[in-house]
């Protein structure tokens, strides 16, 4: 229910494969094309695969389909964003700390340590 009505898939990936593979992804969240560059590069979002034993096979099949669909047959570069980006709870906590710093504390009383307090919220790190 949270997927768009229409989405882009590699032409070399058959519909029956998509349907079969969708059961392997957490929340049945198939890889989705999100953005492309004029040089043919694409940004594809993909949920984790539930079955660790099948993960490599399914991941390789989908990456091969993406590579075959690229105009220059470029290799797929994968990045696990769960490992390098904060989760939503961390972002929300940083935002609350930032609001407390900016709204609740008089600046004159905290001026000496304000920049370090701002850094401690991690808000600037997360939005960077």
Protein backbone atom coordinates (compact mmCIF):
# COMPACT_ATOMS: atom_id res chain seq x y z
CA UNK A 1 0.00 0.00 0.00
CA UNK A 2 2.93 2.42 0.46
CA UNK A 3 4.44 1.81 -2.99
CA UNK A 4 3.56 4.09 -5.91
CA UNK A 5 1.02 2.90 -8.45
CA UNK A 6 3.68 2.87 -11.18
CA UNK A 7 7.43 2.42 -10.90
CA UNK A 8 10.43 1.86 -13.16
CA UNK A 9 12.10 -1.55 -13.29
CA UNK A 10 14.98 -2.87 -15.39
CA UNK A 11 13.68 -4.20 -18.71
CA UNK A 12 15.73 -7.38 -18.31
CA UNK A 13 13.89 -8.33 -15.10
CA UNK A 14 10.75 -10.32 -15.92
CA UNK A 15 7.44 -9.55 -14.21
CA UNK A 16 7.27 -13.06 -12.74
CA UNK A 17 10.74 -12.54 -11.22
CA UNK A 18 9.63 -9.25 -9.68
CA UNK A 19 6.59 -10.88 -8.15
CA UNK A 20 8.64 -13.82 -6.84
CA UNK A 21 11.42 -11.62 -5.46
CA UNK A 22 9.03 -9.17 -3.82
CA UNK A 23 8.26 -11.75 -1.13
CA UNK A 24 11.94 -11.81 -0.18
CA UNK A 25 12.16 -8.11 0.72
CA UNK A 26 11.21 -6.73 4.11
CA UNK A 27 7.75 -5.22 3.69
CA UNK A 28 7.75 -6.52 0.09
CA UNK A 29 9.57 -3.28 -0.80
CA UNK A 30 11.08 -4.00 -4.20
CA UNK A 31 14.00 -1.96 -5.53
CA UNK A 32 12.67 1.37 -6.76
CA UNK A 33 14.22 3.78 -9.22
CA UNK A 34 14.37 7.15 -7.45
CA UNK A 35 16.48 9.40 -9.67
CA UNK A 36 18.65 9.33 -12.76
CA UNK A 37 21.49 11.41 -14.15
CA UNK A 38 21.75 12.36 -17.86
CA UNK A 39 24.83 10.08 -18.14
CA UNK A 40 22.58 7.07 -17.42
CA UNK A 41 23.45 6.64 -13.74
CA UNK A 42 20.49 5.87 -11.51
CA UNK A 43 19.71 5.92 -7.82
CA UNK A 44 17.77 2.83 -6.76
CA UNK A 45 16.38 2.29 -3.26
CA UNK A 46 16.05 -1.26 -2.02
CA UNK A 47 14.87 -2.74 1.28
CA UNK A 48 16.82 -5.51 3.00
CA UNK A 49 16.23 -9.10 1.96
CA UNK A 50 14.65 -11.22 4.71
CA UNK A 51 16.29 -14.57 4.00
CA UNK A 52 20.05 -14.26 4.54
CA UNK A 53 20.65 -17.49 2.60
CA UNK A 54 18.85 -16.13 -0.48
CA UNK A 55 20.16 -12.58 -0.10
CA UNK A 56 23.28 -12.97 -2.26
CA UNK A 57 21.45 -14.72 -5.11
CA UNK A 58 18.55 -12.25 -5.25
CA UNK A 59 20.82 -9.24 -4.80
CA UNK A 60 23.08 -10.44 -7.63
CA UNK A 61 20.12 -11.09 -9.96
CA UNK A 62 18.72 -7.60 -9.41
CA UNK A 63 22.13 -5.90 -9.71
CA UNK A 64 22.77 -7.81 -12.97
CA UNK A 65 19.41 -6.64 -14.31
CA UNK A 66 20.25 -3.03 -13.41
CA UNK A 67 23.69 -3.34 -15.06
CA UNK A 68 22.17 -4.80 -18.26
CA UNK A 69 19.69 -1.91 -18.36
CA UNK A 70 22.40 0.77 -18.04
CA UNK A 71 23.28 2.33 -21.41
CA UNK A 72 27.02 1.89 -20.75
CA UNK A 73 26.66 -1.42 -18.87
CA UNK A 74 28.26 0.22 -15.83
CA UNK A 75 28.62 -1.81 -12.66
CA UNK A 76 26.28 -1.22 -9.75
CA UNK A 77 27.71 0.62 -6.76
CA UNK A 78 25.93 -0.38 -3.56
CA UNK A 79 25.86 1.51 -0.28
CA UNK A 80 24.13 0.37 2.89
CA UNK A 81 22.64 3.64 4.13
CA UNK A 82 21.49 2.04 7.38
CA UNK A 83 25.16 1.85 8.39
CA UNK A 84 26.20 5.38 7.39
CA UNK A 85 23.11 7.53 8.06
CA UNK A 86 21.24 8.29 11.27
CA UNK A 87 17.84 6.70 11.75
CA UNK A 88 14.65 8.74 12.10
CA UNK A 89 14.69 8.54 15.92
CA UNK A 90 18.20 10.01 16.06
CA UNK A 91 17.19 12.86 13.75
CA UNK A 92 14.08 13.58 15.81
CA UNK A 93 16.08 13.58 19.06
CA UNK A 94 18.62 15.99 17.55
CA UNK A 95 15.82 18.29 16.43
CA UNK A 96 14.28 18.32 19.91
CA UNK A 97 17.68 19.19 21.42
CA UNK A 98 18.14 21.97 18.88
CA UNK A 99 14.71 23.42 19.65
CA UNK A 100 15.44 23.30 23.38
CA UNK A 101 18.75 25.05 22.82
CA UNK A 102 17.26 27.78 20.63
CA UNK A 103 13.92 28.35 22.36
CA UNK A 104 14.13 27.41 26.01
CA UNK A 105 17.51 28.75 27.09
CA UNK A 106 18.26 32.48 27.17
CA UNK A 107 21.22 33.08 24.88
CA UNK A 108 22.94 35.49 27.25
CA UNK A 109 23.17 32.83 29.97
CA UNK A 110 24.54 30.14 27.66
CA UNK A 111 26.63 32.19 25.25
CA UNK A 112 29.96 30.78 26.44
CA UNK A 113 28.98 27.20 25.76
CA UNK A 114 26.36 27.73 23.07
CA UNK A 115 28.45 26.49 20.13
CA UNK A 116 29.49 23.33 21.95
CA UNK A 117 25.86 22.79 22.98
CA UNK A 118 24.84 23.22 19.34
CA UNK A 119 27.46 20.67 18.29
CA UNK A 120 26.24 18.24 20.96
CA UNK A 121 22.75 18.21 19.43
CA UNK A 122 24.32 16.59 16.32
CA UNK A 123 21.71 18.42 14.22
CA UNK A 124 24.29 20.09 11.97
CA UNK A 125 26.05 16.77 11.45
CA UNK A 126 22.80 15.07 10.44
CA UNK A 127 21.61 17.75 8.04
CA UNK A 128 25.06 17.95 6.43
